[in-house]
Amino acid sequence: MSVPAEHPHHRLNELIHSPVRFSVMAALAGAESLDFKDLLDTIQVSDSLLSKQLAVLEKAGYVKIRKSFAGKMPRTSASLTPHGHEAWTGHLQTLREIAGG
């Protein structure tokens, strides 16, 4: 009797699998960089929730946060790091494998 192969769900990235973080990663994967406000409008969550989720992704090394000023107005932007792109690609590949694609 052969041992079945490990189900792909064991390879899902739990950090990315959270709906808000998944949405953040998806939005950032499609852009070089996004301003906080644009990301907020895309994800449609509160400022504080987005800030917390970005902090989690930044701590994991998936997202780089840049703070600057446009005149006197502070601006925050986010982008995926190379490690973040790799994690995102692997997560999507695993989801496709689970879905049978």
PDB file of N, CA and C in Angstrom:
ATOM      1  N   MET A   1       0.845  -1.179   0.000  1.00  0.00           N
ATOM      2  CA  MET A   1       0.000   0.000   0.000  1.00  0.00           C
ATOM      3  C   MET A   1       0.891   1.242   0.000  1.00  0.00           C
ATOM      4  N   SER A   2       0.673   2.126  -0.940  1.00  0.00           N
ATOM      5  CA  SER A   2       1.522   3.312  -1.035  1.00  0.00           C
ATOM      6  C   SER A   2       0.970   4.433  -0.149  1.00  0.00           C
ATOM      7  N   VAL A   3       1.887   5.243   0.326  1.00  0.00           N
ATOM      8  CA  VAL A   3       1.517   6.394   1.150  1.00  0.00           C
ATOM      9  C   VAL A   3       1.120   7.527   0.209  1.00  0.00           C
ATOM     10  N   PRO A   4      -0.064   8.134   0.411  1.00  0.00           N
ATOM     11  CA  PRO A   4      -0.470   9.229  -0.482  1.00  0.00           C
ATOM     12  C   PRO A   4       0.461  10.430  -0.324  1.00  0.00           C
ATOM     13  N   ALA A   5       0.636  11.143  -1.419  1.00  0.00           N
ATOM     14  CA  ALA A   5       1.461  12.363  -1.382  1.00  0.00           C
ATOM     15  C   ALA A   5       0.797  13.398  -0.469  1.00  0.00           C
ATOM     16  N   GLU A   6       1.604  14.235   0.106  1.00  0.00           N
ATOM     17  CA  GLU A   6       1.078  15.288   0.978  1.00  0.00           C
ATOM     18  C   GLU A   6       0.161  16.225   0.179  1.00  0.00           C
ATOM     19  N   HIS A   7      -0.985  16.524   0.748  1.00  0.00           N
ATOM     20  CA  HIS A   7      -1.927  17.424   0.081  1.00  0.00           C
ATOM     21  C   HIS A   7      -1.295  18.814  -0.034  1.00  0.00           C
ATOM     22  N   PRO A   8      -1.511  19.495  -1.152  1.00  0.00           N
ATOM     23  CA  PRO A   8      -0.891  20.809  -1.361  1.00  0.00           C
ATOM     24  C   PRO A   8      -1.286  21.866  -0.320  1.00  0.00           C
ATOM     25  N   HIS A   9      -2.420  21.704   0.343  1.00  0.00           N
ATOM     26  CA  HIS A   9      -2.814  22.734   1.323  1.00  0.00           C
ATOM     27  C   HIS A   9      -1.769  22.903   2.417  1.00  0.00           C
ATOM     28  N   HIS A  10      -0.936  21.899   2.608  1.00  0.00           N
ATOM     29  CA  HIS A  10       0.139  22.010   3.608  1.00  0.00           C
ATOM     30  C   HIS A  10       1.202  23.023   3.182  1.00  0.00           C
ATOM     31  N   ARG A  11       1.230  23.350   1.903  1.00  0.00           N
ATOM     32  CA  ARG A  11       2.222  24.310   1.382  1.00  0.00           C
ATOM     33  C   ARG A  11       1.680  25.729   1.272  1.00  0.00           C
ATOM     34  N   LEU A  12       0.387  25.910   1.579  1.00  0.00           N
ATOM     35  CA  LEU A  12      -0.159  27.271   1.530  1.00  0.00           C
ATOM     36  C   LEU A  12       0.569  28.158   2.530  1.00  0.00           C
ATOM     37  N   ASN A  13       0.791  29.383   2.143  1.00  0.00           N
ATOM     38  CA  ASN A  13       1.455  30.354   3.007  1.00  0.00           C
ATOM     39  C   ASN A  13       0.386  30.982   3.900  1.00  0.00           C
ATOM     40  N   GLU A  14       0.359  30.588   5.166  1.00  0.00           N
ATOM     41  CA  GLU A  14      -0.665  31.073   6.092  1.00  0.00           C
ATOM     42  C   GLU A  14      -0.617  32.587   6.255  1.00  0.00           C
ATOM     43  N   LEU A  15       0.553  33.166   6.120  1.00  0.00           N
ATOM     44  CA  LEU A  15       0.695  34.616   6.237  1.00  0.00           C
ATOM     45  C   LEU A  15      -0.035  35.328   5.111  1.00  0.00           C
ATOM     46  N   ILE A  16       0.041  34.776   3.923  1.00  0.00           N
ATOM     47  CA  ILE A  16      -0.604  35.385   2.760  1.00  0.00           C
ATOM     48  C   ILE A  16      -2.081  34.988   2.673  1.00  0.00           C
ATOM     49  N   HIS A  17      -2.438  33.849   3.217  1.00  0.00           N
ATOM     50  CA  HIS A  17      -3.776  33.295   3.025  1.00  0.00           C
ATOM     51  C   HIS A  17      -4.888  34.115   3.685  1.00  0.00           C
ATOM     52  N   SER A  18      -4.562  34.952   4.644  1.00  0.00           N
ATOM     53  CA  SER A  18      -5.548  35.847   5.259  1.00  0.00           C
ATOM     54  C   SER A  18      -6.160  36.716   4.164  1.00  0.00           C
ATOM     55  N   PRO A  19      -7.496  36.873   4.139  1.00  0.00           N
ATOM     56  CA  PRO A  19      -8.135  37.610   3.036  1.00  0.00           C
ATOM     57  C   PRO A  19      -7.587  39.018   2.782  1.00  0.00           C
ATOM     58  N   VAL A  20      -7.335  39.782   3.823  1.00  0.00           N
ATOM     59  CA  VAL A  20      -6.841  41.150   3.608  1.00  0.00           C
ATOM     60  C   VAL A  20      -5.402  41.118   3.105  1.00  0.00           C
ATOM     61  N   ARG A  21      -4.556  40.295   3.713  1.00  0.00           N
ATOM     62  CA  ARG A  21      -3.164  40.219   3.252  1.00  0.00           C
ATOM     63  C   ARG A  21      -3.094  39.644   1.836  1.00  0.00           C
ATOM     64  N   PHE A  22      -3.953  38.677   1.525  1.00  0.00           N
ATOM     65  CA  PHE A  22      -4.024  38.128   0.169  1.00  0.00           C
ATOM     66  C   PHE A  22      -4.367  39.246  -0.812  1.00  0.00           C
ATOM     67  N   SER A  23      -5.339  40.077  -0.455  1.00  0.00           N
ATOM     68  CA  SER A  23      -5.755  41.188  -1.319  1.00  0.00           C
ATOM     69  C   SER A  23      -4.642  42.213  -1.483  1.00  0.00           C
ATOM     70  N   VAL A  24      -3.915  42.497  -0.412  1.00  0.00           N
ATOM     71  CA  VAL A  24      -2.789  43.430  -0.477  1.00  0.00           C
ATOM     72  C   VAL A  24      -1.718  42.881  -1.411  1.00  0.00           C
ATOM     73  N   MET A  25      -1.370  41.621  -1.224  1.00  0.00           N
ATOM     74  CA  MET A  25      -0.338  41.002  -2.061  1.00  0.00           C
ATOM     75  C   MET A  25      -0.765  41.005  -3.529  1.00  0.00           C
ATOM     76  N   ALA A  26      -2.030  40.694  -3.795  1.00  0.00           N
ATOM     77  CA  ALA A  26      -2.535  40.683  -5.176  1.00  0.00           C
ATOM     78  C   ALA A  26      -2.438  42.064  -5.803  1.00  0.00           C
ATOM     79  N   ALA A  27      -2.840  43.081  -5.050  1.00  0.00           N
ATOM     80  CA  ALA A  27      -2.788  44.453  -5.575  1.00  0.00           C
ATOM     81  C   ALA A  27      -1.347  44.876  -5.850  1.00  0.00           C
ATOM     82  N   LEU A  28      -0.451  44.571  -4.929  1.00  0.00           N
ATOM     83  CA  LEU A  28       0.949  44.972  -5.095  1.00  0.00           C
ATOM     84  C   LEU A  28       1.647  44.161  -6.185  1.00  0.00           C
ATOM     85  N   ALA A  29       1.224  42.918  -6.380  1.00  0.00           N
ATOM     86  CA  ALA A  29       1.842  42.089  -7.427  1.00  0.00           C
ATOM     87  C   ALA A  29       1.552  42.647  -8.814  1.00  0.00           C
ATOM     88  N   GLY A  30       0.458  43.395  -8.933  1.00  0.00           N
ATOM     89  CA  GLY A  30       0.087  43.960 -10.223  1.00  0.00           C
ATOM     90  C   GLY A  30       0.610  45.354 -10.465  1.00  0.00           C
ATOM     91  N   ALA A  31       1.433  45.859  -9.570  1.00  0.00           N
ATOM     92  CA  ALA A  31       1.961  47.228  -9.706  1.00  0.00           C
ATOM     93  C   ALA A  31       3.395  47.277  -9.207  1.00  0.00           C
ATOM     94  N   GLU A  32       4.130  48.231  -9.726  1.00  0.00           N
ATOM     95  CA  GLU A  32       5.498  48.425  -9.233  1.00  0.00           C
ATOM     96  C   GLU A  32       5.470  48.907  -7.787  1.00  0.00           C
ATOM     97  N   SER A  33       4.519  49.805  -7.503  1.00  0.00           N
ATOM     98  CA  SER A  33       4.364  50.383  -6.171  1.00  0.00           C
ATOM     99  C   SER A  33       2.974  51.008  -6.114  1.00  0.00           C
ATOM    100  N   LEU A  34       2.382  51.044  -4.929  1.00  0.00           N
ATOM    101  CA  LEU A  34       1.085  51.705  -4.754  1.00  0.00           C
ATOM    102  C   LEU A  34       1.141  52.630  -3.555  1.00  0.00           C
ATOM    103  N   ASP A  35       0.544  53.809  -3.697  1.00  0.00           N
ATOM    104  CA  ASP A  35       0.390  54.704  -2.557  1.00  0.00           C
ATOM    105  C   ASP A  35      -0.596  54.084  -1.585  1.00  0.00           C
ATOM    106  N   PHE A  36      -0.443  54.421  -0.315  1.00  0.00           N
ATOM    107  CA  PHE A  36      -1.321  53.901   0.730  1.00  0.00           C
ATOM    108  C   PHE A  36      -2.783  54.162   0.387  1.00  0.00           C
ATOM    109  N   LYS A  37      -3.081  55.383  -0.064  1.00  0.00           N
ATOM    110  CA  LYS A  37      -4.475  55.735  -0.374  1.00  0.00           C
ATOM    111  C   LYS A  37      -5.019  54.885  -1.516  1.00  0.00           C
ATOM    112  N   ASP A  38      -4.224  54.665  -2.545  1.00  0.00           N
ATOM    113  CA  ASP A  38      -4.667  53.827  -3.661  1.00  0.00           C
ATOM    114  C   ASP A  38      -4.895  52.388  -3.206  1.00  0.00           C
ATOM    115  N   LEU A  39      -4.012  51.905  -2.363  1.00  0.00           N
ATOM    116  CA  LEU A  39      -4.160  50.557  -1.823  1.00  0.00           C
ATOM    117  C   LEU A  39      -5.405  50.473  -0.940  1.00  0.00           C
ATOM    118  N   LEU A  40      -5.625  51.505  -0.158  1.00  0.00           N
ATOM    119  CA  LEU A  40      -6.807  51.587   0.698  1.00  0.00           C
ATOM    120  C   LEU A  40      -8.083  51.558  -0.136  1.00  0.00           C
ATOM    121  N   ASP A  41      -8.116  52.327  -1.218  1.00  0.00           N
ATOM    122  CA  ASP A  41      -9.279  52.350  -2.105  1.00  0.00           C
ATOM    123  C   ASP A  41      -9.494  51.005  -2.794  1.00  0.00           C
ATOM    124  N   THR A  42      -8.413  50.329  -3.124  1.00  0.00           N
ATOM    125  CA  THR A  42      -8.500  49.032  -3.796  1.00  0.00           C
ATOM    126  C   THR A  42      -8.987  47.938  -2.851  1.00  0.00           C
ATOM    127  N   ILE A  43      -8.426  47.894  -1.661  1.00  0.00           N
ATOM    128  CA  ILE A  43      -8.730  46.823  -0.707  1.00  0.00           C
ATOM    129  C   ILE A  43     -10.032  47.087   0.055  1.00  0.00           C
ATOM    130  N   GLN A  44     -10.372  48.340   0.238  1.00  0.00           N
ATOM    131  CA  GLN A  44     -11.610  48.757   0.908  1.00  0.00           C
ATOM    132  C   GLN A  44     -11.699  48.256   2.347  1.00  0.00           C
ATOM    133  N   VAL A  45     -10.671  48.604   3.118  1.00  0.00           N
ATOM    134  CA  VAL A  45     -10.658  48.342   4.555  1.00  0.00           C
ATOM    135  C   VAL A  45     -10.309  49.641   5.260  1.00  0.00           C
ATOM    136  N   SER A  46     -10.325  49.628   6.569  1.00  0.00           N
ATOM    137  CA  SER A  46      -9.990  50.836   7.327  1.00  0.00           C
ATOM    138  C   SER A  46      -8.489  51.117   7.260  1.00  0.00           C
ATOM    139  N   ASP A  47      -8.136  52.374   7.515  1.00  0.00           N
ATOM    140  CA  ASP A  47      -6.720  52.773   7.550  1.00  0.00           C
ATOM    141  C   ASP A  47      -5.935  51.905   8.530  1.00  0.00           C
ATOM    142  N   SER A  48      -6.496  51.731   9.723  1.00  0.00           N
ATOM    143  CA  SER A  48      -5.768  51.000  10.763  1.00  0.00           C
ATOM    144  C   SER A  48      -5.581  49.532  10.391  1.00  0.00           C
ATOM    145  N   LEU A  49      -6.594  48.908   9.796  1.00  0.00           N
ATOM    146  CA  LEU A  49      -6.460  47.500   9.401  1.00  0.00           C
ATOM    147  C   LEU A  49      -5.408  47.350   8.313  1.00  0.00           C
ATOM    148  N   LEU A  50      -5.437  48.243   7.328  1.00  0.00           N
ATOM    149  CA  LEU A  50      -4.431  48.172   6.268  1.00  0.00           C
ATOM    150  C   LEU A  50      -3.037  48.394   6.838  1.00  0.00           C
ATOM    151  N   SER A  51      -2.893  49.354   7.725  1.00  0.00           N
ATOM    152  CA  SER A  51      -1.585  49.618   8.344  1.00  0.00           C
ATOM    153  C   SER A  51      -1.070  48.384   9.085  1.00  0.00           C
ATOM    154  N   LYS A  52      -1.934  47.748   9.842  1.00  0.00           N
ATOM    155  CA  LYS A  52      -1.534  46.555  10.604  1.00  0.00           C
ATOM    156  C   LYS A  52      -1.120  45.424   9.670  1.00  0.00           C
ATOM    157  N   GLN A  53      -1.880  45.210   8.611  1.00  0.00           N
ATOM    158  CA  GLN A  53      -1.574  44.116   7.695  1.00  0.00           C
ATOM    159  C   GLN A  53      -0.291  44.399   6.900  1.00  0.00           C
ATOM    160  N   LEU A  54      -0.081  45.650   6.535  1.00  0.00           N
ATOM    161  CA  LEU A  54       1.173  46.009   5.866  1.00  0.00           C
ATOM    162  C   LEU A  54       2.360  45.789   6.790  1.00  0.00           C
ATOM    163  N   ALA A  55       2.191  46.097   8.068  1.00  0.00           N
ATOM    164  CA  ALA A  55       3.269  45.890   9.039  1.00  0.00           C
ATOM    165  C   ALA A  55       3.616  44.405   9.150  1.00  0.00           C
ATOM    166  N   VAL A  56       2.613  43.537   9.152  1.00  0.00           N
ATOM    167  CA  VAL A  56       2.847  42.096   9.209  1.00  0.00           C
ATOM    168  C   VAL A  56       3.629  41.644   7.971  1.00  0.00           C
ATOM    169  N   LEU A  57       3.197  42.106   6.803  1.00  0.00           N
ATOM    170  CA  LEU A  57       3.866  41.725   5.563  1.00  0.00           C
ATOM    171  C   LEU A  57       5.275  42.308   5.471  1.00  0.00           C
ATOM    172  N   GLU A  58       5.454  43.510   5.992  1.00  0.00           N
ATOM    173  CA  GLU A  58       6.788  44.117   6.002  1.00  0.00           C
ATOM    174  C   GLU A  58       7.724  43.335   6.926  1.00  0.00           C
ATOM    175  N   LYS A  59       7.225  42.964   8.097  1.00  0.00           N
ATOM    176  CA  LYS A  59       8.043  42.200   9.052  1.00  0.00           C
ATOM    177  C   LYS A  59       8.474  40.866   8.450  1.00  0.00           C
ATOM    178  N   ALA A  60       7.613  40.260   7.631  1.00  0.00           N
ATOM    179  CA  ALA A  60       7.936  38.989   6.976  1.00  0.00           C
ATOM    180  C   ALA A  60       8.909  39.176   5.816  1.00  0.00           C
ATOM    181  N   GLY A  61       9.156  40.420   5.425  1.00  0.00           N
ATOM    182  CA  GLY A  61      10.061  40.692   4.309  1.00  0.00           C
ATOM    183  C   GLY A  61       9.380  40.621   2.952  1.00  0.00           C
ATOM    184  N   TYR A  62       8.045  40.612   2.931  1.00  0.00           N
ATOM    185  CA  TYR A  62       7.299  40.516   1.683  1.00  0.00           C
ATOM    186  C   TYR A  62       7.020  41.879   1.062  1.00  0.00           C
ATOM    187  N   VAL A  63       6.970  42.905   1.890  1.00  0.00           N
ATOM    188  CA  VAL A  63       6.594  44.243   1.433  1.00  0.00           C
ATOM    189  C   VAL A  63       7.629  45.248   1.905  1.00  0.00           C
ATOM    190  N   LYS A  64       7.919  46.211   1.040  1.00  0.00           N
ATOM    191  CA  LYS A  64       8.782  47.337   1.417  1.00  0.00           C
ATOM    192  C   LYS A  64       7.893  48.571   1.508  1.00  0.00           C
ATOM    193  N   ILE A  65       7.993  49.280   2.619  1.00  0.00           N
ATOM    194  CA  ILE A  65       7.224  50.507   2.849  1.00  0.00           C
ATOM    195  C   ILE A  65       8.167  51.691   2.671  1.00  0.00           C
ATOM    196  N   ARG A  66       7.714  52.669   1.894  1.00  0.00           N
ATOM    197  CA  ARG A  66       8.504  53.899   1.695  1.00  0.00           C
ATOM    198  C   ARG A  66       7.685  55.083   2.185  1.00  0.00           C
ATOM    199  N   LYS A  67       8.313  55.933   2.958  1.00  0.00           N
ATOM    200  CA  LYS A  67       7.660  57.147   3.441  1.00  0.00           C
ATOM    201  C   LYS A  67       8.396  58.340   2.855  1.00  0.00           C
ATOM    202  N   SER A  68       7.619  59.284   2.343  1.00  0.00           N
ATOM    203  CA  SER A  68       8.198  60.484   1.741  1.00  0.00           C
ATOM    204  C   SER A  68       7.226  61.636   1.951  1.00  0.00           C
ATOM    205  N   PHE A  69       7.567  62.768   1.373  1.00  0.00           N
ATOM    206  CA  PHE A  69       6.691  63.934   1.451  1.00  0.00           C
ATOM    207  C   PHE A  69       6.423  64.458   0.055  1.00  0.00           C
ATOM    208  N   ALA A  70       5.200  64.887  -0.185  1.00  0.00           N
ATOM    209  CA  ALA A  70       4.812  65.605  -1.399  1.00  0.00           C
ATOM    210  C   ALA A  70       4.441  66.993  -0.900  1.00  0.00           C
ATOM    211  N   GLY A  71       5.398  67.884  -0.994  1.00  0.00           N
ATOM    212  CA  GLY A  71       5.223  69.187  -0.345  1.00  0.00           C
ATOM    213  C   GLY A  71       5.294  68.968   1.160  1.00  0.00           C
ATOM    214  N   LYS A  72       4.241  69.366   1.858  1.00  0.00           N
ATOM    215  CA  LYS A  72       4.198  69.157   3.307  1.00  0.00           C
ATOM    216  C   LYS A  72       3.385  67.924   3.694  1.00  0.00           C
ATOM    217  N   MET A  73       2.831  67.262   2.692  1.00  0.00           N
ATOM    218  CA  MET A  73       1.977  66.109   2.959  1.00  0.00           C
ATOM    219  C   MET A  73       2.799  64.808   2.987  1.00  0.00           C
ATOM    220  N   PRO A  74       2.677  64.048   4.067  1.00  0.00           N
ATOM    221  CA  PRO A  74       3.382  62.762   4.106  1.00  0.00           C
ATOM    222  C   PRO A  74       2.732  61.770   3.133  1.00  0.00           C
ATOM    223  N   ARG A  75       3.565  60.971   2.508  1.00  0.00           N
ATOM    224  CA  ARG A  75       3.074  59.943   1.578  1.00  0.00           C
ATOM    225  C   ARG A  75       3.719  58.621   1.954  1.00  0.00           C
ATOM    226  N   THR A  76       2.912  57.593   1.925  1.00  0.00           N
ATOM    227  CA  THR A  76       3.397  56.248   2.184  1.00  0.00           C
ATOM    228  C   THR A  76       3.074  55.396   0.970  1.00  0.00           C
ATOM    229  N   SER A  77       4.044  54.628   0.522  1.00  0.00           N
ATOM    230  CA  SER A  77       3.805  53.714  -0.590  1.00  0.00           C
ATOM    231  C   SER A  77       4.348  52.342  -0.211  1.00  0.00           C
ATOM    232  N   ALA A  78       3.843  51.335  -0.901  1.00  0.00           N
ATOM    233  CA  ALA A  78       4.254  49.968  -0.628  1.00  0.00           C
ATOM    234  C   ALA A  78       4.540  49.253  -1.940  1.00  0.00           C
ATOM    235  N   SER A  79       5.456  48.308  -1.882  1.00  0.00           N
ATOM    236  CA  SER A  79       5.768  47.473  -3.044  1.00  0.00           C
ATOM    237  C   SER A  79       6.192  46.100  -2.543  1.00  0.00           C
ATOM    238  N   LEU A  80       6.057  45.108  -3.409  1.00  0.00           N
ATOM    239  CA  LEU A  80       6.525  43.774  -3.054  1.00  0.00           C
ATOM    240  C   LEU A  80       8.039  43.717  -3.179  1.00  0.00           C
ATOM    241  N   THR A  81       8.663  43.018  -2.267  1.00  0.00           N
ATOM    242  CA  THR A  81      10.093  42.738  -2.360  1.00  0.00           C
ATOM    243  C   THR A  81      10.274  41.514  -3.262  1.00  0.00           C
ATOM    244  N   PRO A  82      11.492  41.223  -3.678  1.00  0.00           N
ATOM    245  CA  PRO A  82      11.713  39.979  -4.431  1.00  0.00           C
ATOM    246  C   PRO A  82      11.222  38.750  -3.650  1.00  0.00           C
ATOM    247  N   HIS A  83      11.456  38.740  -2.331  1.00  0.00           N
ATOM    248  CA  HIS A  83      10.978  37.646  -1.477  1.00  0.00           C
ATOM    249  C   HIS A  83       9.453  37.597  -1.483  1.00  0.00           C
ATOM    250  N   GLY A  84       8.817  38.759  -1.494  1.00  0.00           N
ATOM    251  CA  GLY A  84       7.364  38.836  -1.543  1.00  0.00           C
ATOM    252  C   GLY A  84       6.818  38.303  -2.858  1.00  0.00           C
ATOM    253  N   HIS A  85       7.465  38.648  -3.960  1.00  0.00           N
ATOM    254  CA  HIS A  85       7.052  38.127  -5.276  1.00  0.00           C
ATOM    255  C   HIS A  85       7.154  36.599  -5.299  1.00  0.00           C
ATOM    256  N   GLU A  86       8.246  36.087  -4.744  1.00  0.00           N
ATOM    257  CA  GLU A  86       8.454  34.637  -4.705  1.00  0.00           C
ATOM    258  C   GLU A  86       7.379  33.956  -3.860  1.00  0.00           C
ATOM    259  N   ALA A  87       7.074  34.530  -2.698  1.00  0.00           N
ATOM    260  CA  ALA A  87       6.045  33.962  -1.822  1.00  0.00           C
ATOM    261  C   ALA A  87       4.677  34.003  -2.493  1.00  0.00           C
ATOM    262  N   TRP A  88       4.367  35.120  -3.163  1.00  0.00           N
ATOM    263  CA  TRP A  88       3.086  35.274  -3.853  1.00  0.00           C
ATOM    264  C   TRP A  88       2.947  34.245  -4.980  1.00  0.00           C
ATOM    265  N   THR A  89       3.975  34.102  -5.780  1.00  0.00           N
ATOM    266  CA  THR A  89       3.958  33.154  -6.890  1.00  0.00           C
ATOM    267  C   THR A  89       3.776  31.725  -6.378  1.00  0.00           C
ATOM    268  N   GLY A  90       4.488  31.368  -5.328  1.00  0.00           N
ATOM    269  CA  GLY A  90       4.368  30.027  -4.759  1.00  0.00           C
ATOM    270  C   GLY A  90       2.984  29.768  -4.195  1.00  0.00           C
ATOM    271  N   HIS A  91       2.415  30.773  -3.544  1.00  0.00           N
ATOM    272  CA  HIS A  91       1.076  30.638  -2.972  1.00  0.00           C
ATOM    273  C   HIS A  91       0.044  30.429  -4.079  1.00  0.00           C
ATOM    274  N   LEU A  92       0.123  31.228  -5.126  1.00  0.00           N
ATOM    275  CA  LEU A  92      -0.810  31.077  -6.250  1.00  0.00           C
ATOM    276  C   LEU A  92      -0.660  29.722  -6.923  1.00  0.00           C
ATOM    277  N   GLN A  93       0.557  29.269  -7.082  1.00  0.00           N
ATOM    278  CA  GLN A  93       0.812  27.965  -7.700  1.00  0.00           C
ATOM    279  C   GLN A  93       0.159  26.857  -6.876  1.00  0.00           C
ATOM    280  N   THR A  94       0.256  26.966  -5.564  1.00  0.00           N
ATOM    281  CA  THR A  94      -0.346  25.968  -4.686  1.00  0.00           C
ATOM    282  C   THR A  94      -1.876  26.007  -4.768  1.00  0.00           C
ATOM    283  N   LEU A  95      -2.446  27.224  -4.819  1.00  0.00           N
ATOM    284  CA  LEU A  95      -3.905  27.338  -4.966  1.00  0.00           C
ATOM    285  C   LEU A  95      -4.370  26.701  -6.277  1.00  0.00           C
ATOM    286  N   ARG A  96      -3.615  26.928  -7.338  1.00  0.00           N
ATOM    287  CA  ARG A  96      -3.967  26.339  -8.634  1.00  0.00           C
ATOM    288  C   ARG A  96      -3.894  24.812  -8.577  1.00  0.00           C
ATOM    289  N   GLU A  97      -2.889  24.316  -7.879  1.00  0.00           N
ATOM    290  CA  GLU A  97      -2.735  22.878  -7.732  1.00  0.00           C
ATOM    291  C   GLU A  97      -3.924  22.284  -6.971  1.00  0.00           C
ATOM    292  N   ILE A  98      -4.362  22.957  -5.924  1.00  0.00           N
ATOM    293  CA  ILE A  98      -5.517  22.501  -5.153  1.00  0.00           C
ATOM    294  C   ILE A  98      -6.775  22.530  -6.014  1.00  0.00           C
ATOM    295  N   ALA A  99      -6.904  23.591  -6.818  1.00  0.00           N
ATOM    296  CA  ALA A  99      -8.093  23.766  -7.649  1.00  0.00           C
ATOM    297  C   ALA A  99      -8.087  22.841  -8.882  1.00  0.00           C
ATOM    298  N   GLY A 100      -6.977  22.159  -9.073  1.00  0.00           N
ATOM    299  CA  GLY A 100      -6.906  21.216 -10.189  1.00  0.00           C
ATOM    300  C   GLY A 100      -6.432  21.816 -11.487  1.00  0.00           C
ATOM    301  N   GLY A 101      -5.896  23.037 -11.409  1.00  0.00           N
ATOM    302  CA  GLY A 101      -5.426  23.687 -12.632  1.00  0.00           C
ATOM    303  C   GLY A 101      -3.987  23.534 -12.740  1.00  0.00           C
TER     304      GLY A 101
END
